[in-house]
Amino acid sequence: MSVINMNAPFTRDKIKKLKVGDIVLISGKIFTGRDGVHKYLHDGNQAPVNLEDQIIYHCGPVVVKNEGTGEYTVTAAGPTTSIREEPYEWELMRDHNIAAVIGKGGMGETTLDACRKYGCVYFHATGGAAQVLSDRIKKVEGVYLMELGSPEAMWVLQVSRFPVVVTMDSHGNSLHVDIRSESEKKLKELLQKQERS
């Protein structure tokens, strides 16, 4: 395990060097994308921006607009549960050549296979730390697809040293699979011990 400062651009060379367990501090531009954005793109609509080598953050940020200046401020930006995007994520990796996804809770076998096939990673961000994570957002550069509603829109965020952990890498490794396997093994051992007592 190591701590890696990763600055934009998020090239495939950088992504492929990451391994499960690495702590990464991301600096640069990221894009939010929850259910609405994933469904919108799945339905064949054109992405409002070029997503190649970009990072999608499963997040519905709380954003406040200053009516005087027109500028936006993010007051909370915690990750949302990623497994909801499992039917769609592989398509974003294939069709839009995204570099990485940030979320919480991990994703399934289809996304893991797509990470390996298309050279992507899944980053886990800490749930319950929405206000702390918002401190790492230095600027809102813009917003697209506001017709989906503020939480579902695609917000363009400039982040500095945004903390995440690699839990699915581009080599087919998954911390989520490892933990589940180890947990099942421990549970089996405990049940067998209980049966013997």
N, C-alpha and C. Protein backbone atom coordinates (compact mmCIF):
# COMPACT_ATOMS: atom_id res chain seq x y z
N MET A 1 0.84 -1.19 0.00
CA MET A 1 0.00 0.00 0.00
C MET A 1 0.88 1.24 0.00
N SER A 2 0.51 2.23 -0.81
CA SER A 2 1.26 3.47 -0.86
C SER A 2 0.31 4.64 -1.04
N VAL A 3 0.79 5.84 -0.77
CA VAL A 3 0.02 7.06 -0.98
C VAL A 3 0.53 7.72 -2.25
N ILE A 4 -0.38 7.98 -3.18
CA ILE A 4 0.00 8.48 -4.50
C ILE A 4 -0.73 9.79 -4.77
N ASN A 5 0.02 10.81 -5.12
CA ASN A 5 -0.58 12.06 -5.58
C ASN A 5 -0.81 11.93 -7.08
N MET A 6 -2.06 12.01 -7.50
CA MET A 6 -2.37 11.86 -8.92
C MET A 6 -3.01 13.14 -9.44
N ASN A 7 -2.29 13.80 -10.33
CA ASN A 7 -2.76 15.05 -10.90
C ASN A 7 -3.24 14.82 -12.33
N ALA A 8 -4.24 15.62 -12.75
CA ALA A 8 -4.69 15.57 -14.13
C ALA A 8 -3.52 15.95 -15.05
N PRO A 9 -3.47 15.40 -16.26
CA PRO A 9 -4.43 14.51 -16.90
C PRO A 9 -4.33 13.08 -16.37
N PHE A 10 -5.47 12.39 -16.36
CA PHE A 10 -5.54 11.03 -15.82
C PHE A 10 -5.31 10.03 -16.95
N THR A 11 -4.05 9.89 -17.32
CA THR A 11 -3.69 9.06 -18.46
C THR A 11 -3.76 7.58 -18.08
N ARG A 12 -3.83 6.73 -19.10
CA ARG A 12 -3.87 5.29 -18.86
C ARG A 12 -2.58 4.79 -18.20
N ASP A 13 -1.47 5.42 -18.49
CA ASP A 13 -0.22 5.03 -17.85
C ASP A 13 -0.32 5.18 -16.34
N LYS A 14 -0.89 6.29 -15.89
CA LYS A 14 -1.07 6.52 -14.45
C LYS A 14 -2.06 5.52 -13.86
N ILE A 15 -3.16 5.32 -14.56
CA ILE A 15 -4.23 4.44 -14.05
C ILE A 15 -3.73 3.00 -13.92
N LYS A 16 -2.99 2.53 -14.92
CA LYS A 16 -2.56 1.13 -14.91
C LYS A 16 -1.49 0.83 -13.86
N LYS A 17 -0.85 1.87 -13.34
CA LYS A 17 0.13 1.68 -12.27
C LYS A 17 -0.53 1.50 -10.91
N LEU A 18 -1.80 1.88 -10.80
CA LEU A 18 -2.50 1.80 -9.51
C LEU A 18 -2.87 0.36 -9.20
N LYS A 19 -2.80 0.03 -7.91
CA LYS A 19 -3.14 -1.31 -7.47
C LYS A 19 -4.06 -1.24 -6.27
N VAL A 20 -4.85 -2.30 -6.10
CA VAL A 20 -5.78 -2.39 -4.97
C VAL A 20 -5.03 -2.08 -3.67
N GLY A 21 -5.63 -1.21 -2.87
CA GLY A 21 -5.03 -0.81 -1.59
C GLY A 21 -4.31 0.51 -1.63
N ASP A 22 -3.97 0.99 -2.84
CA ASP A 22 -3.30 2.28 -2.94
C ASP A 22 -4.22 3.41 -2.47
N ILE A 23 -3.67 4.31 -1.67
CA ILE A 23 -4.37 5.53 -1.30
C ILE A 23 -3.97 6.59 -2.31
N VAL A 24 -4.97 7.24 -2.91
CA VAL A 24 -4.69 8.21 -3.97
C VAL A 24 -5.30 9.56 -3.60
N LEU A 25 -4.53 10.61 -3.80
CA LEU A 25 -4.99 11.98 -3.60
C LEU A 25 -5.12 12.61 -4.98
N ILE A 26 -6.37 12.82 -5.41
CA ILE A 26 -6.65 13.27 -6.77
C ILE A 26 -6.72 14.79 -6.82
N SER A 27 -6.03 15.37 -7.79
CA SER A 27 -6.09 16.81 -8.04
C SER A 27 -6.38 17.03 -9.52
N GLY A 28 -7.39 17.84 -9.77
CA GLY A 28 -7.78 18.11 -11.15
C GLY A 28 -9.28 18.16 -11.27
N LYS A 29 -9.76 17.99 -12.49
CA LYS A 29 -11.19 18.09 -12.77
C LYS A 29 -11.84 16.71 -12.72
N ILE A 30 -12.98 16.62 -12.01
CA ILE A 30 -13.79 15.40 -12.01
C ILE A 30 -15.23 15.78 -12.32
N PHE A 31 -16.02 14.79 -12.73
CA PHE A 31 -17.42 15.02 -13.12
C PHE A 31 -18.34 14.15 -12.27
N THR A 32 -19.38 14.74 -11.70
CA THR A 32 -20.35 13.92 -10.98
C THR A 32 -21.27 13.23 -11.98
N GLY A 33 -21.74 12.05 -11.59
CA GLY A 33 -22.67 11.31 -12.44
C GLY A 33 -23.35 10.23 -11.62
N ARG A 34 -24.64 10.42 -11.37
CA ARG A 34 -25.41 9.42 -10.63
C ARG A 34 -26.35 8.70 -11.58
N ASP A 35 -27.45 8.21 -11.05
CA ASP A 35 -28.41 7.43 -11.83
C ASP A 35 -28.87 8.16 -13.09
N GLY A 36 -29.20 9.45 -12.94
CA GLY A 36 -29.74 10.21 -14.07
C GLY A 36 -28.77 10.29 -15.22
N VAL A 37 -27.51 10.59 -14.94
CA VAL A 37 -26.50 10.71 -15.98
C VAL A 37 -26.24 9.36 -16.64
N HIS A 38 -26.13 8.32 -15.84
CA HIS A 38 -25.88 6.98 -16.40
C HIS A 38 -27.03 6.53 -17.31
N LYS A 39 -28.25 6.75 -16.87
CA LYS A 39 -29.42 6.37 -17.69
C LYS A 39 -29.48 7.21 -18.96
N TYR A 40 -29.18 8.49 -18.84
CA TYR A 40 -29.19 9.41 -19.97
C TYR A 40 -28.22 8.93 -21.06
N LEU A 41 -27.02 8.56 -20.65
CA LEU A 41 -26.02 8.10 -21.61
C LEU A 41 -26.37 6.70 -22.14
N HIS A 42 -26.90 5.85 -21.26
CA HIS A 42 -27.31 4.50 -21.67
C HIS A 42 -28.39 4.56 -22.75
N ASP A 43 -29.26 5.56 -22.66
CA ASP A 43 -30.35 5.70 -23.62
C ASP A 43 -29.90 6.24 -24.97
N GLY A 44 -28.60 6.46 -25.13
CA GLY A 44 -28.08 6.86 -26.43
C GLY A 44 -27.88 8.34 -26.62
N ASN A 45 -28.10 9.12 -25.57
CA ASN A 45 -27.89 10.56 -25.68
C ASN A 45 -26.39 10.87 -25.68
N GLN A 46 -26.04 11.97 -26.34
CA GLN A 46 -24.63 12.35 -26.42
C GLN A 46 -24.18 12.97 -25.11
N ALA A 47 -22.98 12.64 -24.69
CA ALA A 47 -22.42 13.24 -23.48
C ALA A 47 -22.22 14.74 -23.71
N PRO A 48 -22.51 15.55 -22.71
CA PRO A 48 -22.36 17.01 -22.88
C PRO A 48 -20.90 17.46 -22.97
N VAL A 49 -19.98 16.59 -22.55
CA VAL A 49 -18.54 16.88 -22.63
C VAL A 49 -17.80 15.62 -23.05
N ASN A 50 -16.57 15.79 -23.47
CA ASN A 50 -15.73 14.64 -23.80
C ASN A 50 -15.26 14.01 -22.50
N LEU A 51 -15.64 12.76 -22.25
CA LEU A 51 -15.31 12.09 -21.00
C LEU A 51 -14.06 11.21 -21.09
N GLU A 52 -13.39 11.24 -22.21
CA GLU A 52 -12.20 10.41 -22.36
C GLU A 52 -11.14 10.79 -21.32
N ASP A 53 -10.62 9.77 -20.63
CA ASP A 53 -9.60 9.96 -19.59
C ASP A 53 -10.07 10.85 -18.44
N GLN A 54 -11.37 10.85 -18.21
CA GLN A 54 -11.93 11.63 -17.10
C GLN A 54 -12.39 10.71 -15.98
N ILE A 55 -12.71 11.31 -14.84
CA ILE A 55 -13.18 10.57 -13.67
C ILE A 55 -14.63 10.93 -13.40
N ILE A 56 -15.46 9.89 -13.24
CA ILE A 56 -16.87 10.07 -12.89
C ILE A 56 -17.01 9.80 -11.39
N TYR A 57 -17.66 10.74 -10.69
CA TYR A 57 -17.87 10.61 -9.25
C TYR A 57 -19.35 10.33 -9.00
N HIS A 58 -19.65 9.17 -8.42
CA HIS A 58 -21.03 8.85 -8.04
C HIS A 58 -21.41 9.71 -6.84
N CYS A 59 -21.97 10.85 -7.13
CA CYS A 59 -22.22 11.84 -6.09
C CYS A 59 -23.34 12.78 -6.53
N GLY A 60 -24.22 13.09 -5.60
CA GLY A 60 -25.23 14.13 -5.80
C GLY A 60 -24.92 15.26 -4.84
N PRO A 61 -24.04 16.16 -5.21
CA PRO A 61 -23.57 17.17 -4.26
C PRO A 61 -24.66 18.16 -3.85
N VAL A 62 -24.50 18.69 -2.66
CA VAL A 62 -25.36 19.79 -2.22
C VAL A 62 -24.64 21.07 -2.65
N VAL A 63 -25.30 21.81 -3.55
CA VAL A 63 -24.66 22.97 -4.17
C VAL A 63 -25.50 24.21 -3.92
N VAL A 64 -24.85 25.28 -3.49
CA VAL A 64 -25.53 26.55 -3.22
C VAL A 64 -25.05 27.58 -4.24
N LYS A 65 -26.02 28.32 -4.79
CA LYS A 65 -25.67 29.35 -5.78
C LYS A 65 -25.71 30.72 -5.13
N ASN A 66 -24.64 31.48 -5.33
CA ASN A 66 -24.60 32.87 -4.88
C ASN A 66 -25.32 33.71 -5.93
N GLU A 67 -26.48 34.21 -5.58
CA GLU A 67 -27.30 34.94 -6.56
C GLU A 67 -26.62 36.23 -7.02
N GLY A 68 -25.76 36.77 -6.18
CA GLY A 68 -25.06 38.00 -6.56
C GLY A 68 -24.01 37.78 -7.62
N THR A 69 -23.21 36.72 -7.44
CA THR A 69 -22.10 36.46 -8.37
C THR A 69 -22.42 35.38 -9.40
N GLY A 70 -23.44 34.58 -9.09
CA GLY A 70 -23.77 33.47 -9.98
C GLY A 70 -22.88 32.26 -9.79
N GLU A 71 -21.95 32.34 -8.84
CA GLU A 71 -21.03 31.24 -8.59
C GLU A 71 -21.66 30.20 -7.67
N TYR A 72 -21.22 28.95 -7.85
CA TYR A 72 -21.71 27.84 -7.05
C TYR A 72 -20.68 27.45 -5.99
N THR A 73 -21.18 27.00 -4.84
CA THR A 73 -20.33 26.46 -3.78
C THR A 73 -20.89 25.11 -3.36
N VAL A 74 -20.03 24.12 -3.25
CA VAL A 74 -20.43 22.78 -2.81
C VAL A 74 -20.29 22.73 -1.29
N THR A 75 -21.39 22.41 -0.60
CA THR A 75 -21.36 22.34 0.86
C THR A 75 -21.30 20.90 1.38
N ALA A 76 -21.65 19.94 0.54
CA ALA A 76 -21.55 18.52 0.90
C ALA A 76 -21.39 17.73 -0.39
N ALA A 77 -20.49 16.73 -0.33
CA ALA A 77 -20.21 15.98 -1.57
C ALA A 77 -19.76 14.56 -1.25
N GLY A 78 -20.59 13.85 -0.53
CA GLY A 78 -20.27 12.46 -0.21
C GLY A 78 -20.61 11.52 -1.35
N PRO A 79 -19.97 10.36 -1.39
CA PRO A 79 -20.25 9.39 -2.45
C PRO A 79 -21.60 8.71 -2.24
N THR A 80 -22.22 8.35 -3.34
CA THR A 80 -23.45 7.57 -3.27
C THR A 80 -23.12 6.11 -3.57
N THR A 81 -24.06 5.23 -3.28
CA THR A 81 -23.83 3.79 -3.44
C THR A 81 -23.67 3.43 -4.91
N SER A 82 -22.53 2.86 -5.24
CA SER A 82 -22.16 2.65 -6.63
C SER A 82 -22.87 1.50 -7.32
N ILE A 83 -23.27 0.49 -6.57
CA ILE A 83 -23.83 -0.71 -7.20
C ILE A 83 -25.06 -0.40 -8.04
N ARG A 84 -25.71 0.74 -7.75
CA ARG A 84 -26.87 1.13 -8.57
C ARG A 84 -26.50 1.36 -10.02
N GLU A 85 -25.25 1.67 -10.27
CA GLU A 85 -24.82 1.96 -11.64
C GLU A 85 -24.23 0.73 -12.34
N GLU A 86 -24.30 -0.41 -11.68
CA GLU A 86 -23.71 -1.63 -12.24
C GLU A 86 -24.23 -1.96 -13.65
N PRO A 87 -25.53 -1.76 -13.94
CA PRO A 87 -25.99 -2.09 -15.30
C PRO A 87 -25.39 -1.20 -16.39
N TYR A 88 -24.88 -0.03 -15.99
CA TYR A 88 -24.45 0.97 -16.98
C TYR A 88 -22.95 1.24 -17.04
N GLU A 89 -22.23 0.99 -15.93
CA GLU A 89 -20.86 1.50 -15.83
C GLU A 89 -19.94 0.97 -16.93
N TRP A 90 -20.08 -0.31 -17.26
CA TRP A 90 -19.21 -0.88 -18.29
C TRP A 90 -19.38 -0.16 -19.62
N GLU A 91 -20.60 0.35 -19.88
CA GLU A 91 -20.83 1.08 -21.13
C GLU A 91 -20.08 2.41 -21.14
N LEU A 92 -20.03 3.08 -19.99
CA LEU A 92 -19.28 4.33 -19.92
C LEU A 92 -17.80 4.07 -20.14
N MET A 93 -17.32 2.96 -19.60
CA MET A 93 -15.91 2.62 -19.79
C MET A 93 -15.62 2.29 -21.25
N ARG A 94 -16.53 1.58 -21.86
CA ARG A 94 -16.34 1.17 -23.26
C ARG A 94 -16.57 2.34 -24.23
N ASP A 95 -17.70 3.02 -24.08
CA ASP A 95 -18.12 4.00 -25.08
C ASP A 95 -17.50 5.38 -24.88
N HIS A 96 -17.16 5.72 -23.64
CA HIS A 96 -16.65 7.07 -23.36
C HIS A 96 -15.20 7.07 -22.88
N ASN A 97 -14.62 5.87 -22.73
CA ASN A 97 -13.20 5.74 -22.41
C ASN A 97 -12.82 6.48 -21.13
N ILE A 98 -13.71 6.42 -20.13
CA ILE A 98 -13.40 7.07 -18.86
C ILE A 98 -12.23 6.36 -18.19
N ALA A 99 -11.52 7.10 -17.34
CA ALA A 99 -10.33 6.55 -16.69
C ALA A 99 -10.65 5.88 -15.37
N ALA A 100 -11.64 6.44 -14.66
CA ALA A 100 -11.91 5.94 -13.31
C ALA A 100 -13.30 6.35 -12.85
N VAL A 101 -13.73 5.66 -11.79
CA VAL A 101 -15.00 5.93 -11.14
C VAL A 101 -14.72 6.08 -9.64
N ILE A 102 -15.39 7.04 -9.02
CA ILE A 102 -15.33 7.18 -7.56
C ILE A 102 -16.72 6.91 -7.02
N GLY A 103 -16.81 6.14 -5.95
CA GLY A 103 -18.10 5.90 -5.31
C GLY A 103 -17.89 5.26 -3.95
N LYS A 104 -18.92 4.57 -3.49
CA LYS A 104 -18.76 3.82 -2.24
C LYS A 104 -19.42 2.45 -2.38
N GLY A 105 -18.87 1.50 -1.66
CA GLY A 105 -19.47 0.17 -1.59
C GLY A 105 -19.02 -0.81 -2.64
N GLY A 106 -18.28 -0.34 -3.64
CA GLY A 106 -17.80 -1.24 -4.68
C GLY A 106 -18.84 -1.50 -5.75
N MET A 107 -18.42 -2.28 -6.75
CA MET A 107 -19.30 -2.63 -7.86
C MET A 107 -19.13 -4.12 -8.16
N GLY A 108 -19.89 -4.61 -9.14
CA GLY A 108 -19.97 -6.03 -9.39
C GLY A 108 -18.98 -6.55 -10.43
N GLU A 109 -19.21 -7.80 -10.80
CA GLU A 109 -18.30 -8.50 -11.71
C GLU A 109 -18.24 -7.87 -13.10
N THR A 110 -19.38 -7.34 -13.57
CA THR A 110 -19.39 -6.73 -14.90
C THR A 110 -18.48 -5.52 -14.95
N THR A 111 -18.54 -4.68 -13.90
CA THR A 111 -17.68 -3.50 -13.85
C THR A 111 -16.23 -3.90 -13.64
N LEU A 112 -15.98 -4.90 -12.80
CA LEU A 112 -14.61 -5.37 -12.58
C LEU A 112 -14.00 -5.85 -13.89
N ASP A 113 -14.77 -6.61 -14.66
CA ASP A 113 -14.28 -7.09 -15.94
C ASP A 113 -14.01 -5.93 -16.90
N ALA A 114 -14.88 -4.91 -16.86
CA ALA A 114 -14.68 -3.73 -17.72
C ALA A 114 -13.45 -2.94 -17.30
N CYS A 115 -13.18 -2.88 -15.99
CA CYS A 115 -11.97 -2.20 -15.51
C CYS A 115 -10.73 -2.85 -16.12
N ARG A 116 -10.73 -4.18 -16.13
CA ARG A 116 -9.60 -4.91 -16.70
C ARG A 116 -9.53 -4.73 -18.22
N LYS A 117 -10.67 -4.84 -18.84
CA LYS A 117 -10.73 -4.80 -20.31
C LYS A 117 -10.41 -3.42 -20.88
N TYR A 118 -10.88 -2.37 -20.20
CA TYR A 118 -10.72 -1.02 -20.74
C TYR A 118 -9.71 -0.17 -19.97
N GLY A 119 -9.03 -0.78 -18.98
CA GLY A 119 -7.97 -0.07 -18.28
C GLY A 119 -8.45 1.02 -17.35
N CYS A 120 -9.45 0.70 -16.53
CA CYS A 120 -10.02 1.67 -15.59
C CYS A 120 -9.81 1.20 -14.15
N VAL A 121 -10.10 2.09 -13.21
CA VAL A 121 -10.08 1.71 -11.80
C VAL A 121 -11.33 2.22 -11.11
N TYR A 122 -11.64 1.57 -9.98
CA TYR A 122 -12.72 2.04 -9.10
C TYR A 122 -12.07 2.54 -7.82
N PHE A 123 -12.39 3.79 -7.48
CA PHE A 123 -11.91 4.40 -6.25
C PHE A 123 -13.04 4.41 -5.22
N HIS A 124 -12.73 4.03 -3.99
CA HIS A 124 -13.69 4.11 -2.90
C HIS A 124 -13.44 5.39 -2.12
N ALA A 125 -14.49 6.21 -1.97
CA ALA A 125 -14.43 7.41 -1.12
C ALA A 125 -15.18 7.11 0.17
N THR A 126 -14.79 7.75 1.24
CA THR A 126 -15.37 7.48 2.54
C THR A 126 -16.80 8.00 2.65
N GLY A 127 -17.74 7.09 2.92
CA GLY A 127 -19.12 7.50 3.15
C GLY A 127 -19.25 8.20 4.49
N GLY A 128 -20.22 9.09 4.61
CA GLY A 128 -20.44 9.80 5.87
C GLY A 128 -19.50 10.96 6.08
N ALA A 129 -18.71 11.30 5.07
CA ALA A 129 -17.75 12.39 5.20
C ALA A 129 -18.02 13.48 4.17
N ALA A 130 -19.29 13.73 3.89
CA ALA A 130 -19.68 14.64 2.81
C ALA A 130 -19.12 16.05 2.97
N GLN A 131 -19.16 16.56 4.19
CA GLN A 131 -18.66 17.92 4.41
C GLN A 131 -17.14 17.98 4.35
N VAL A 132 -16.49 16.95 4.87
CA VAL A 132 -15.03 16.89 4.81
C VAL A 132 -14.57 16.82 3.36
N LEU A 133 -15.22 15.97 2.57
CA LEU A 133 -14.84 15.83 1.16
C LEU A 133 -15.11 17.12 0.39
N SER A 134 -16.17 17.85 0.76
CA SER A 134 -16.47 19.10 0.05
C SER A 134 -15.36 20.13 0.24
N ASP A 135 -14.60 20.01 1.34
CA ASP A 135 -13.47 20.92 1.55
C ASP A 135 -12.37 20.72 0.51
N ARG A 136 -12.35 19.55 -0.12
CA ARG A 136 -11.34 19.27 -1.14
C ARG A 136 -11.78 19.77 -2.53
N ILE A 137 -13.01 20.28 -2.61
CA ILE A 137 -13.51 20.84 -3.87
C ILE A 137 -13.22 22.33 -3.86
N LYS A 138 -12.36 22.76 -4.75
CA LYS A 138 -11.90 24.14 -4.74
C LYS A 138 -12.74 25.06 -5.62
N LYS A 139 -13.42 24.45 -6.59
CA LYS A 139 -14.20 25.30 -7.50
C LYS A 139 -15.20 24.45 -8.27
N VAL A 140 -16.37 25.04 -8.52
CA VAL A 140 -17.34 24.44 -9.45
C VAL A 140 -17.12 25.11 -10.79
N GLU A 141 -16.66 24.34 -11.76
CA GLU A 141 -16.34 24.91 -13.07
C GLU A 141 -17.56 25.03 -13.97
N GLY A 142 -18.59 24.26 -13.67
CA GLY A 142 -19.79 24.33 -14.50
C GLY A 142 -20.74 23.21 -14.17
N VAL A 143 -21.85 23.17 -14.88
CA VAL A 143 -22.84 22.12 -14.67
C VAL A 143 -23.55 21.83 -15.98
N TYR A 144 -23.82 20.55 -16.22
CA TYR A 144 -24.55 20.11 -17.41
C TYR A 144 -25.73 19.25 -16.97
N LEU A 145 -26.71 19.15 -17.84
CA LEU A 145 -27.88 18.29 -17.62
C LEU A 145 -28.65 18.69 -16.36
N MET A 146 -28.77 19.97 -16.12
CA MET A 146 -29.51 20.46 -14.96
C MET A 146 -30.99 20.10 -15.06
N GLU A 147 -31.44 19.76 -16.26
CA GLU A 147 -32.83 19.35 -16.42
C GLU A 147 -33.13 18.04 -15.68
N LEU A 148 -32.09 17.30 -15.31
CA LEU A 148 -32.28 16.08 -14.53
C LEU A 148 -32.49 16.37 -13.05
N GLY A 149 -32.30 17.61 -12.65
CA GLY A 149 -32.38 17.99 -11.24
C GLY A 149 -30.98 18.17 -10.68
N SER A 150 -30.83 19.03 -9.71
CA SER A 150 -29.50 19.36 -9.19
C SER A 150 -28.67 18.15 -8.74
N PRO A 151 -29.24 17.23 -7.92
CA PRO A 151 -28.42 16.09 -7.48
C PRO A 151 -28.01 15.16 -8.63
N GLU A 152 -28.85 15.09 -9.67
CA GLU A 152 -28.58 14.17 -10.78
C GLU A 152 -27.81 14.82 -11.92
N ALA A 153 -27.62 16.13 -11.86
CA ALA A 153 -26.91 16.84 -12.92
C ALA A 153 -25.43 16.43 -12.94
N MET A 154 -24.76 16.79 -14.01
CA MET A 154 -23.33 16.53 -14.12
C MET A 154 -22.58 17.81 -13.73
N TRP A 155 -22.06 17.79 -12.52
CA TRP A 155 -21.29 18.93 -12.00
C TRP A 155 -19.82 18.74 -12.34
N VAL A 156 -19.19 19.82 -12.74
CA VAL A 156 -17.76 19.81 -13.07
C VAL A 156 -17.02 20.43 -11.89
N LEU A 157 -16.24 19.60 -11.20
CA LEU A 157 -15.61 20.02 -9.95
C LEU A 157 -14.09 20.02 -10.07
N GLN A 158 -13.48 21.07 -9.60
CA GLN A 158 -12.03 21.15 -9.51
C GLN A 158 -11.64 20.75 -8.09
N VAL A 159 -10.92 19.64 -7.95
CA VAL A 159 -10.58 19.13 -6.62
C VAL A 159 -9.07 19.19 -6.38
N SER A 160 -8.72 19.22 -5.10
CA SER A 160 -7.32 19.21 -4.72
C SER A 160 -7.10 18.17 -3.62
N ARG A 161 -6.25 17.19 -3.90
CA ARG A 161 -5.89 16.13 -2.95
C ARG A 161 -7.15 15.46 -2.39
N PHE A 162 -8.04 15.10 -3.29
CA PHE A 162 -9.28 14.42 -2.94
C PHE A 162 -8.94 12.97 -2.58
N PRO A 163 -9.22 12.54 -1.33
CA PRO A 163 -8.73 11.23 -0.87
C PRO A 163 -9.62 10.06 -1.23
N VAL A 164 -9.03 9.05 -1.86
CA VAL A 164 -9.74 7.83 -2.23
C VAL A 164 -8.80 6.63 -2.06
N VAL A 165 -9.39 5.43 -2.11
CA VAL A 165 -8.62 4.19 -2.06
C VAL A 165 -8.97 3.35 -3.28
N VAL A 166 -7.97 2.79 -3.93
CA VAL A 166 -8.22 1.89 -5.07
C VAL A 166 -8.75 0.57 -4.51
N THR A 167 -9.99 0.22 -4.86
CA THR A 167 -10.54 -1.06 -4.41
C THR A 167 -10.84 -2.01 -5.56
N MET A 168 -10.76 -1.51 -6.80
CA MET A 168 -10.84 -2.36 -7.99
C MET A 168 -9.83 -1.78 -8.98
N ASP A 169 -8.86 -2.58 -9.40
CA ASP A 169 -7.84 -2.03 -10.29
C ASP A 169 -8.00 -2.54 -11.72
N SER A 170 -7.12 -2.08 -12.59
CA SER A 170 -7.23 -2.43 -14.02
C SER A 170 -6.63 -3.79 -14.33
N HIS A 171 -6.17 -4.49 -13.28
CA HIS A 171 -5.57 -5.81 -13.46
C HIS A 171 -6.51 -6.94 -13.04
N GLY A 172 -7.76 -6.58 -12.73
CA GLY A 172 -8.75 -7.59 -12.36
C GLY A 172 -8.83 -7.90 -10.88
N ASN A 173 -8.14 -7.12 -10.05
CA ASN A 173 -8.16 -7.33 -8.60
C ASN A 173 -9.26 -6.50 -7.96
N SER A 174 -9.90 -7.07 -6.94
CA SER A 174 -10.98 -6.37 -6.24
C SER A 174 -10.88 -6.61 -4.74
N LEU A 175 -10.73 -5.55 -3.99
CA LEU A 175 -10.72 -5.65 -2.54
C LEU A 175 -12.07 -6.13 -2.02
N HIS A 176 -13.15 -5.77 -2.72
CA HIS A 176 -14.49 -6.18 -2.32
C HIS A 176 -14.65 -7.70 -2.43
N VAL A 177 -14.13 -8.28 -3.50
CA VAL A 177 -14.18 -9.73 -3.67
C VAL A 177 -13.33 -10.41 -2.60
N ASP A 178 -12.15 -9.85 -2.34
CA ASP A 178 -11.25 -10.44 -1.34
C ASP A 178 -11.89 -10.43 0.05
N ILE A 179 -12.50 -9.31 0.41
CA ILE A 179 -13.12 -9.20 1.73
C ILE A 179 -14.31 -10.14 1.85
N ARG A 180 -15.12 -10.22 0.80
CA ARG A 180 -16.27 -11.13 0.83
C ARG A 180 -15.81 -12.57 0.98
N SER A 181 -14.78 -12.96 0.25
CA SER A 181 -14.26 -14.32 0.32
C SER A 181 -13.72 -14.62 1.71
N GLU A 182 -12.96 -13.70 2.26
CA GLU A 182 -12.40 -13.88 3.60
C GLU A 182 -13.49 -13.94 4.66
N SER A 183 -14.52 -13.10 4.49
CA SER A 183 -15.63 -13.09 5.44
C SER A 183 -16.40 -14.41 5.41
N GLU A 184 -16.63 -14.91 4.20
CA GLU A 184 -17.33 -16.19 4.07
C GLU A 184 -16.52 -17.32 4.70
N LYS A 185 -15.21 -17.26 4.53
CA LYS A 185 -14.33 -18.28 5.12
C LYS A 185 -14.41 -18.22 6.65
N LYS A 186 -14.35 -17.02 7.21
CA LYS A 186 -14.41 -16.86 8.67
C LYS A 186 -15.76 -17.31 9.20
N LEU A 187 -16.83 -16.97 8.48
CA LEU A 187 -18.18 -17.37 8.91
C LEU A 187 -18.30 -18.89 8.93
N LYS A 188 -17.79 -19.54 7.90
CA LYS A 188 -17.83 -21.00 7.84
C LYS A 188 -17.08 -21.61 9.01
N GLU A 189 -15.91 -21.06 9.33
CA GLU A 189 -15.13 -21.55 10.45
C GLU A 189 -15.88 -21.39 11.77
N LEU A 190 -16.54 -20.25 11.95
CA LEU A 190 -17.29 -19.99 13.18
C LEU A 190 -18.49 -20.93 13.31
N LEU A 191 -19.16 -21.16 12.20
CA LEU A 191 -20.32 -22.07 12.22
C LEU A 191 -19.88 -23.50 12.53
N GLN A 192 -18.77 -23.92 11.96
CA GLN A 192 -18.26 -25.27 12.24
C GLN A 192 -17.85 -25.40 13.70
N LYS A 193 -17.25 -24.34 14.22
CA LYS A 193 -16.85 -24.34 15.63
C LYS A 193 -18.06 -24.43 16.54
N GLN A 194 -19.11 -23.71 16.16
CA GLN A 194 -20.35 -23.72 16.95
C GLN A 194 -21.00 -25.11 16.92
N GLU A 195 -20.97 -25.75 15.77
CA GLU A 195 -21.57 -27.09 15.64
C GLU A 195 -20.84 -28.12 16.51
N ARG A 196 -19.52 -27.94 16.64
CA ARG A 196 -18.73 -28.87 17.44
C ARG A 196 -18.89 -28.66 18.93
N SER A 197 -19.31 -27.48 19.33
CA SER A 197 -19.41 -27.19 20.77
C SER A 197 -20.75 -27.61 21.35
